[in-house]
Structures are given as C-alpha cells and as structure tokens.
Amino acid sequence: VAEWRATAALPSAGIEPIEVPLLPLTDNH
C-alpha cells in the first residue's frame, strides 16, 4: 500500500468524521 487514510464518524450523535492517524508497520499492514 502506498498510502492509508481513515476516518470515523457517528452520524446519529452528530459527530463528524474524525481522522484516524495511521502508521504503516509493513507494506500491507
């Protein structure tokens, strides 16, 4: 994988997407 991006949101509670900081451990993890 060249780049990872992820967000988490809870629309039912009005919580907008929060970025999940990701750190590559291996090429695919």
PDB file of all heavy atoms in Angstrom:
ATOM      1  N   VAL A   1       0.844  -1.193   0.000  1.00  0.00           N
ATOM      2  CA  VAL A   1       0.000   0.000   0.000  1.00  0.00           C
ATOM      3  C   VAL A   1       0.879   1.242   0.000  1.00  0.00           C
ATOM      4  O   VAL A   1       1.819   1.347   0.793  1.00  0.00           O
ATOM      5  CB  VAL A   1      -0.934   0.002   1.228  1.00  0.00           C
ATOM      6  CG1 VAL A   1      -1.700   1.319   1.328  1.00  0.00           C
ATOM      7  CG2 VAL A   1      -1.902  -1.169   1.141  1.00  0.00           C
ATOM      8  N   ALA A   2       0.568   2.200  -0.884  1.00  0.00           N
ATOM      9  CA  ALA A   2       1.339   3.446  -0.961  1.00  0.00           C
ATOM     10  C   ALA A   2       0.868   4.463   0.067  1.00  0.00           C
ATOM     11  O   ALA A   2       1.664   5.231   0.604  1.00  0.00           O
ATOM     12  CB  ALA A   2       1.233   4.037  -2.372  1.00  0.00           C
ATOM     13  N   GLU A   3      -0.439   4.493   0.347  1.00  0.00           N
ATOM     14  CA  GLU A   3      -0.971   5.482   1.297  1.00  0.00           C
ATOM     15  C   GLU A   3      -2.235   4.947   1.949  1.00  0.00           C
ATOM     16  O   GLU A   3      -3.078   4.343   1.295  1.00  0.00           O
ATOM     17  CB  GLU A   3      -1.273   6.796   0.587  1.00  0.00           C
ATOM     18  CG  GLU A   3      -1.777   7.898   1.526  1.00  0.00           C
ATOM     19  CD  GLU A   3      -2.146   9.171   0.789  1.00  0.00           C
ATOM     20  OE1 GLU A   3      -2.233   9.140  -0.445  1.00  0.00           O
ATOM     21  OE2 GLU A   3      -2.361  10.198   1.464  1.00  0.00           O
ATOM     22  N   TRP A   4      -2.347   5.195   3.279  1.00  0.00           N
ATOM     23  CA  TRP A   4      -3.532   4.817   4.046  1.00  0.00           C
ATOM     24  C   TRP A   4      -4.224   6.080   4.548  1.00  0.00           C
ATOM     25  O   TRP A   4      -3.565   7.016   4.998  1.00  0.00           O
ATOM     26  CB  TRP A   4      -3.156   3.980   5.270  1.00  0.00           C
ATOM     27  CG  TRP A   4      -2.375   2.730   5.026  1.00  0.00           C
ATOM     28  CD1 TRP A   4      -1.023   2.619   4.884  1.00  0.00           C
ATOM     29  CD2 TRP A   4      -2.887   1.399   4.932  1.00  0.00           C
ATOM     30  NE1 TRP A   4      -0.657   1.311   4.708  1.00  0.00           N
ATOM     31  CE2 TRP A   4      -1.786   0.531   4.735  1.00  0.00           C
ATOM     32  CE3 TRP A   4      -4.160   0.846   5.006  1.00  0.00           C
ATOM     33  CZ2 TRP A   4      -1.920  -0.841   4.612  1.00  0.00           C
ATOM     34  CZ3 TRP A   4      -4.309  -0.522   4.882  1.00  0.00           C
ATOM     35  CH2 TRP A   4      -3.204  -1.360   4.690  1.00  0.00           C
ATOM     36  N   ARG A   5      -5.563   6.091   4.520  1.00  0.00           N
ATOM     37  CA  ARG A   5      -6.337   7.165   5.145  1.00  0.00           C
ATOM     38  C   ARG A   5      -7.598   6.550   5.741  1.00  0.00           C
ATOM     39  O   ARG A   5      -8.196   5.652   5.142  1.00  0.00           O
ATOM     40  CB  ARG A   5      -6.731   8.262   4.147  1.00  0.00           C
ATOM     41  CG  ARG A   5      -5.561   9.031   3.569  1.00  0.00           C
ATOM     42  CD  ARG A   5      -6.022  10.333   2.901  1.00  0.00           C
ATOM     43  NE  ARG A   5      -7.052  10.111   1.898  1.00  0.00           N
ATOM     44  CZ  ARG A   5      -6.810   9.804   0.628  1.00  0.00           C
ATOM     45  NH1 ARG A   5      -5.558   9.650   0.222  1.00  0.00           N
ATOM     46  NH2 ARG A   5      -7.797   9.634  -0.236  1.00  0.00           N
ATOM     47  N   ALA A   6      -7.993   7.051   6.918  1.00  0.00           N
ATOM     48  CA  ALA A   6      -9.198   6.513   7.558  1.00  0.00           C
ATOM     49  C   ALA A   6      -9.849   7.589   8.410  1.00  0.00           C
ATOM     50  O   ALA A   6      -9.171   8.446   8.989  1.00  0.00           O
ATOM     51  CB  ALA A   6      -8.864   5.291   8.409  1.00  0.00           C
ATOM     52  N   THR A   7     -11.181   7.550   8.482  1.00  0.00           N
ATOM     53  CA  THR A   7     -11.944   8.438   9.361  1.00  0.00           C
ATOM     54  C   THR A   7     -13.010   7.616  10.073  1.00  0.00           C
ATOM     55  O   THR A   7     -13.430   6.558   9.603  1.00  0.00           O
ATOM     56  CB  THR A   7     -12.628   9.575   8.577  1.00  0.00           C
ATOM     57  OG1 THR A   7     -13.539   9.015   7.628  1.00  0.00           O
ATOM     58  CG2 THR A   7     -11.609  10.451   7.870  1.00  0.00           C
ATOM     59  N   ALA A   8     -13.463   8.135  11.225  1.00  0.00           N
ATOM     60  CA  ALA A   8     -14.537   7.505  11.987  1.00  0.00           C
ATOM     61  C   ALA A   8     -15.568   8.577  12.318  1.00  0.00           C
ATOM     62  O   ALA A   8     -15.206   9.690  12.726  1.00  0.00           O
ATOM     63  CB  ALA A   8     -13.999   6.863  13.258  1.00  0.00           C
ATOM     64  N   ALA A   9     -16.849   8.270  12.135  1.00  0.00           N
ATOM     65  CA  ALA A   9     -17.911   9.234  12.398  1.00  0.00           C
ATOM     66  C   ALA A   9     -19.090   8.524  13.049  1.00  0.00           C
ATOM     67  O   ALA A   9     -19.292   7.312  12.867  1.00  0.00           O
ATOM     68  CB  ALA A   9     -18.356   9.907  11.101  1.00  0.00           C
ATOM     69  N   LEU A  10     -19.870   9.285  13.808  1.00  0.00           N
ATOM     70  CA  LEU A  10     -21.086   8.769  14.421  1.00  0.00           C
ATOM     71  C   LEU A  10     -22.229   9.717  14.061  1.00  0.00           C
ATOM     72  O   LEU A  10     -22.586  10.609  14.829  1.00  0.00           O
ATOM     73  CB  LEU A  10     -20.931   8.660  15.947  1.00  0.00           C
ATOM     74  CG  LEU A  10     -22.081   8.008  16.712  1.00  0.00           C
ATOM     75  CD1 LEU A  10     -22.325   6.586  16.232  1.00  0.00           C
ATOM     76  CD2 LEU A  10     -21.811   8.020  18.210  1.00  0.00           C
ATOM     77  N   PRO A  11     -22.811   9.558  12.863  1.00  0.00           N
ATOM     78  CA  PRO A  11     -23.857  10.488  12.406  1.00  0.00           C
ATOM     79  C   PRO A  11     -25.047  10.578  13.349  1.00  0.00           C
ATOM     80  O   PRO A  11     -25.642  11.644  13.506  1.00  0.00           O
ATOM     81  CB  PRO A  11     -24.264   9.904  11.047  1.00  0.00           C
ATOM     82  CG  PRO A  11     -23.082   9.087  10.614  1.00  0.00           C
ATOM     83  CD  PRO A  11     -22.495   8.534  11.858  1.00  0.00           C
ATOM     84  N   SER A  12     -25.398   9.495  14.003  1.00  0.00           N
ATOM     85  CA  SER A  12     -26.564   9.502  14.884  1.00  0.00           C
ATOM     86  C   SER A  12     -26.396  10.432  16.071  1.00  0.00           C
ATOM     87  O   SER A  12     -27.378  10.887  16.671  1.00  0.00           O
ATOM     88  CB  SER A  12     -26.864   8.086  15.375  1.00  0.00           C
ATOM     89  OG  SER A  12     -25.772   7.594  16.149  1.00  0.00           O
ATOM     90  N   ALA A  13     -25.137  10.710  16.449  1.00  0.00           N
ATOM     91  CA  ALA A  13     -24.864  11.622  17.567  1.00  0.00           C
ATOM     92  C   ALA A  13     -24.340  12.968  17.081  1.00  0.00           C
ATOM     93  O   ALA A  13     -23.891  13.781  17.893  1.00  0.00           O
ATOM     94  CB  ALA A  13     -23.870  10.981  18.538  1.00  0.00           C
ATOM     95  N   GLY A  14     -24.356  13.184  15.767  1.00  0.00           N
ATOM     96  CA  GLY A  14     -23.883  14.452  15.230  1.00  0.00           C
ATOM     97  C   GLY A  14     -22.375  14.611  15.268  1.00  0.00           C
ATOM     98  O   GLY A  14     -21.860  15.730  15.179  1.00  0.00           O
ATOM     99  N   ILE A  15     -21.651  13.512  15.399  1.00  0.00           N
ATOM    100  CA  ILE A  15     -20.181  13.581  15.449  1.00  0.00           C
ATOM    101  C   ILE A  15     -19.640  13.411  14.039  1.00  0.00           C
ATOM    102  O   ILE A  15     -19.801  12.359  13.412  1.00  0.00           O
ATOM    103  CB  ILE A  15     -19.610  12.501  16.396  1.00  0.00           C
ATOM    104  CG1 ILE A  15     -20.133  12.732  17.822  1.00  0.00           C
ATOM    105  CG2 ILE A  15     -18.086  12.541  16.388  1.00  0.00           C
ATOM    106  CD1 ILE A  15     -19.681  11.681  18.806  1.00  0.00           C
ATOM    107  N   GLU A  16     -19.013  14.458  13.542  1.00  0.00           N
ATOM    108  CA  GLU A  16     -18.483  14.475  12.187  1.00  0.00           C
ATOM    109  C   GLU A  16     -17.251  13.573  12.085  1.00  0.00           C
ATOM    110  O   GLU A  16     -16.675  13.174  13.104  1.00  0.00           O
ATOM    111  CB  GLU A  16     -18.129  15.900  11.777  1.00  0.00           C
ATOM    112  CG  GLU A  16     -19.326  16.833  11.726  1.00  0.00           C
ATOM    113  CD  GLU A  16     -20.323  16.435  10.659  1.00  0.00           C
ATOM    114  OE1 GLU A  16     -19.879  16.164   9.523  1.00  0.00           O
ATOM    115  OE2 GLU A  16     -21.524  16.368  10.968  1.00  0.00           O
ATOM    116  N   PRO A  17     -16.822  13.247  10.857  1.00  0.00           N
ATOM    117  CA  PRO A  17     -15.667  12.346  10.699  1.00  0.00           C
ATOM    118  C   PRO A  17     -14.422  12.836  11.432  1.00  0.00           C
ATOM    119  O   PRO A  17     -14.052  14.006  11.339  1.00  0.00           O
ATOM    120  CB  PRO A  17     -15.446  12.332   9.181  1.00  0.00           C
ATOM    121  CG  PRO A  17     -16.785  12.628   8.607  1.00  0.00           C
ATOM    122  CD  PRO A  17     -17.428  13.589   9.557  1.00  0.00           C
ATOM    123  N   ILE A  18     -13.822  11.931  12.179  1.00  0.00           N
ATOM    124  CA  ILE A  18     -12.577  12.183  12.908  1.00  0.00           C
ATOM    125  C   ILE A  18     -11.470  11.383  12.231  1.00  0.00           C
ATOM    126  O   ILE A  18     -11.627  10.183  12.001  1.00  0.00           O
ATOM    127  CB  ILE A  18     -12.695  11.756  14.383  1.00  0.00           C
ATOM    128  CG1 ILE A  18     -13.838  12.511  15.067  1.00  0.00           C
ATOM    129  CG2 ILE A  18     -11.382  11.993  15.125  1.00  0.00           C
ATOM    130  CD1 ILE A  18     -14.151  11.988  16.460  1.00  0.00           C
ATOM    131  N   GLU A  19     -10.373  12.024  11.917  1.00  0.00           N
ATOM    132  CA  GLU A  19      -9.285  11.324  11.237  1.00  0.00           C
ATOM    133  C   GLU A  19      -8.607  10.337  12.179  1.00  0.00           C
ATOM    134  O   GLU A  19      -8.350  10.650  13.344  1.00  0.00           O
ATOM    135  CB  GLU A  19      -8.259  12.308  10.702  1.00  0.00           C
ATOM    136  CG  GLU A  19      -7.135  11.607   9.940  1.00  0.00           C
ATOM    137  CD  GLU A  19      -6.180  12.591   9.312  1.00  0.00           C
ATOM    138  OE1 GLU A  19      -6.343  13.792   9.527  1.00  0.00           O
ATOM    139  OE2 GLU A  19      -5.272  12.123   8.619  1.00  0.00           O
ATOM    140  N   VAL A  20      -8.341   9.153  11.672  1.00  0.00           N
ATOM    141  CA  VAL A  20      -7.615   8.129  12.420  1.00  0.00           C
ATOM    142  C   VAL A  20      -6.157   8.180  11.976  1.00  0.00           C
ATOM    143  O   VAL A  20      -5.848   7.852  10.825  1.00  0.00           O
ATOM    144  CB  VAL A  20      -8.183   6.718  12.152  1.00  0.00           C
ATOM    145  CG1 VAL A  20      -7.438   5.680  12.993  1.00  0.00           C
ATOM    146  CG2 VAL A  20      -9.676   6.669  12.434  1.00  0.00           C
ATOM    147  N   PRO A  21      -5.227   8.629  12.840  1.00  0.00           N
ATOM    148  CA  PRO A  21      -3.811   8.643  12.440  1.00  0.00           C
ATOM    149  C   PRO A  21      -3.297   7.217  12.249  1.00  0.00           C
ATOM    150  O   PRO A  21      -3.406   6.403  13.151  1.00  0.00           O
ATOM    151  CB  PRO A  21      -3.099   9.331  13.615  1.00  0.00           C
ATOM    152  CG  PRO A  21      -4.146   9.732  14.571  1.00  0.00           C
ATOM    153  CD  PRO A  21      -5.428   9.075  14.196  1.00  0.00           C
ATOM    154  N   LEU A  22      -2.758   6.930  11.081  1.00  0.00           N
ATOM    155  CA  LEU A  22      -2.296   5.583  10.763  1.00  0.00           C
ATOM    156  C   LEU A  22      -0.792   5.575  10.544  1.00  0.00           C
ATOM    157  O   LEU A  22      -0.244   6.485   9.930  1.00  0.00           O
ATOM    158  CB  LEU A  22      -3.002   5.060   9.506  1.00  0.00           C
ATOM    159  CG  LEU A  22      -4.517   4.846   9.617  1.00  0.00           C
ATOM    160  CD1 LEU A  22      -5.101   4.479   8.271  1.00  0.00           C
ATOM    161  CD2 LEU A  22      -4.838   3.770  10.654  1.00  0.00           C
ATOM    162  N   LEU A  23      -0.149   4.542  11.046  1.00  0.00           N
ATOM    163  CA  LEU A  23       1.292   4.364  10.874  1.00  0.00           C
ATOM    164  C   LEU A  23       1.540   3.022  10.210  1.00  0.00           C
ATOM    165  O   LEU A  23       1.173   1.978  10.762  1.00  0.00           O
ATOM    166  CB  LEU A  23       2.009   4.417  12.219  1.00  0.00           C
ATOM    167  CG  LEU A  23       3.532   4.277  12.186  1.00  0.00           C
ATOM    168  CD1 LEU A  23       4.156   5.485  11.504  1.00  0.00           C
ATOM    169  CD2 LEU A  23       4.083   4.130  13.586  1.00  0.00           C
ATOM    170  N   PRO A  24       2.141   2.987   8.992  1.00  0.00           N
ATOM    171  CA  PRO A  24       2.422   1.707   8.335  1.00  0.00           C
ATOM    172  C   PRO A  24       3.430   0.890   9.142  1.00  0.00           C
ATOM    173  O   PRO A  24       4.461   1.416   9.571  1.00  0.00           O
ATOM    174  CB  PRO A  24       3.008   2.126   6.979  1.00  0.00           C
ATOM    175  CG  PRO A  24       2.580   3.547   6.784  1.00  0.00           C
ATOM    176  CD  PRO A  24       2.509   4.134   8.155  1.00  0.00           C
ATOM    177  N   LEU A  25       3.124  -0.377   9.365  1.00  0.00           N
ATOM    178  CA  LEU A  25       4.053  -1.271  10.046  1.00  0.00           C
ATOM    179  C   LEU A  25       4.798  -2.138   9.047  1.00  0.00           C
ATOM    180  O   LEU A  25       6.003  -2.333   9.160  1.00  0.00           O
ATOM    181  CB  LEU A  25       3.304  -2.152  11.051  1.00  0.00           C
ATOM    182  CG  LEU A  25       4.158  -3.067  11.910  1.00  0.00           C
ATOM    183  CD1 LEU A  25       5.142  -2.263  12.742  1.00  0.00           C
ATOM    184  CD2 LEU A  25       3.301  -3.922  12.813  1.00  0.00           C
ATOM    185  N   THR A  26       4.069  -2.647   8.042  1.00  0.00           N
ATOM    186  CA  THR A  26       4.683  -3.356   6.922  1.00  0.00           C
ATOM    187  C   THR A  26       4.048  -2.815   5.647  1.00  0.00           C
ATOM    188  O   THR A  26       3.234  -1.898   5.688  1.00  0.00           O
ATOM    189  CB  THR A  26       4.455  -4.877   7.030  1.00  0.00           C
ATOM    190  OG1 THR A  26       3.060  -5.152   6.903  1.00  0.00           O
ATOM    191  CG2 THR A  26       4.969  -5.421   8.353  1.00  0.00           C
ATOM    192  N   ASP A  27       4.414  -3.390   4.500  1.00  0.00           N
ATOM    193  CA  ASP A  27       3.856  -2.922   3.231  1.00  0.00           C
ATOM    194  C   ASP A  27       2.337  -3.011   3.191  1.00  0.00           C
ATOM    195  O   ASP A  27       1.670  -2.183   2.557  1.00  0.00           O
ATOM    196  CB  ASP A  27       4.433  -3.734   2.062  1.00  0.00           C
ATOM    197  CG  ASP A  27       5.860  -3.307   1.736  1.00  0.00           C
ATOM    198  OD1 ASP A  27       6.269  -2.231   2.196  1.00  0.00           O
ATOM    199  OD2 ASP A  27       6.544  -4.058   1.026  1.00  0.00           O
ATOM    200  N   ASN A  28       1.769  -4.017   3.852  1.00  0.00           N
ATOM    201  CA  ASN A  28       0.315  -4.217   3.754  1.00  0.00           C
ATOM    202  C   ASN A  28      -0.403  -4.074   5.093  1.00  0.00           C
ATOM    203  O   ASN A  28      -1.571  -4.399   5.206  1.00  0.00           O
ATOM    204  CB  ASN A  28       0.005  -5.604   3.178  1.00  0.00           C
ATOM    205  CG  ASN A  28       0.111  -6.705   4.230  1.00  0.00           C
ATOM    206  OD1 ASN A  28       1.100  -6.760   4.967  1.00  0.00           O
ATOM    207  ND2 ASN A  28      -0.888  -7.575   4.303  1.00  0.00           N
ATOM    208  N   HIS A  29       0.285  -3.576   6.114  1.00  0.00           N
ATOM    209  CA  HIS A  29      -0.283  -3.520   7.462  1.00  0.00           C
ATOM    210  C   HIS A  29      -0.075  -2.130   8.049  1.00  0.00           C
ATOM    211  O   HIS A  29       1.039  -1.619   8.106  1.00  0.00           O
ATOM    212  CB  HIS A  29       0.405  -4.580   8.339  1.00  0.00           C
ATOM    213  CG  HIS A  29      -0.072  -4.590   9.763  1.00  0.00           C
ATOM    214  ND1 HIS A  29       0.636  -5.209  10.769  1.00  0.00           N
ATOM    215  CD2 HIS A  29      -1.168  -4.054  10.354  1.00  0.00           C
ATOM    216  CE1 HIS A  29       0.002  -5.057  11.904  1.00  0.00           C
ATOM    217  NE2 HIS A  29      -1.105  -4.353  11.678  1.00  0.00           N
TER     218      HIS A  29
END
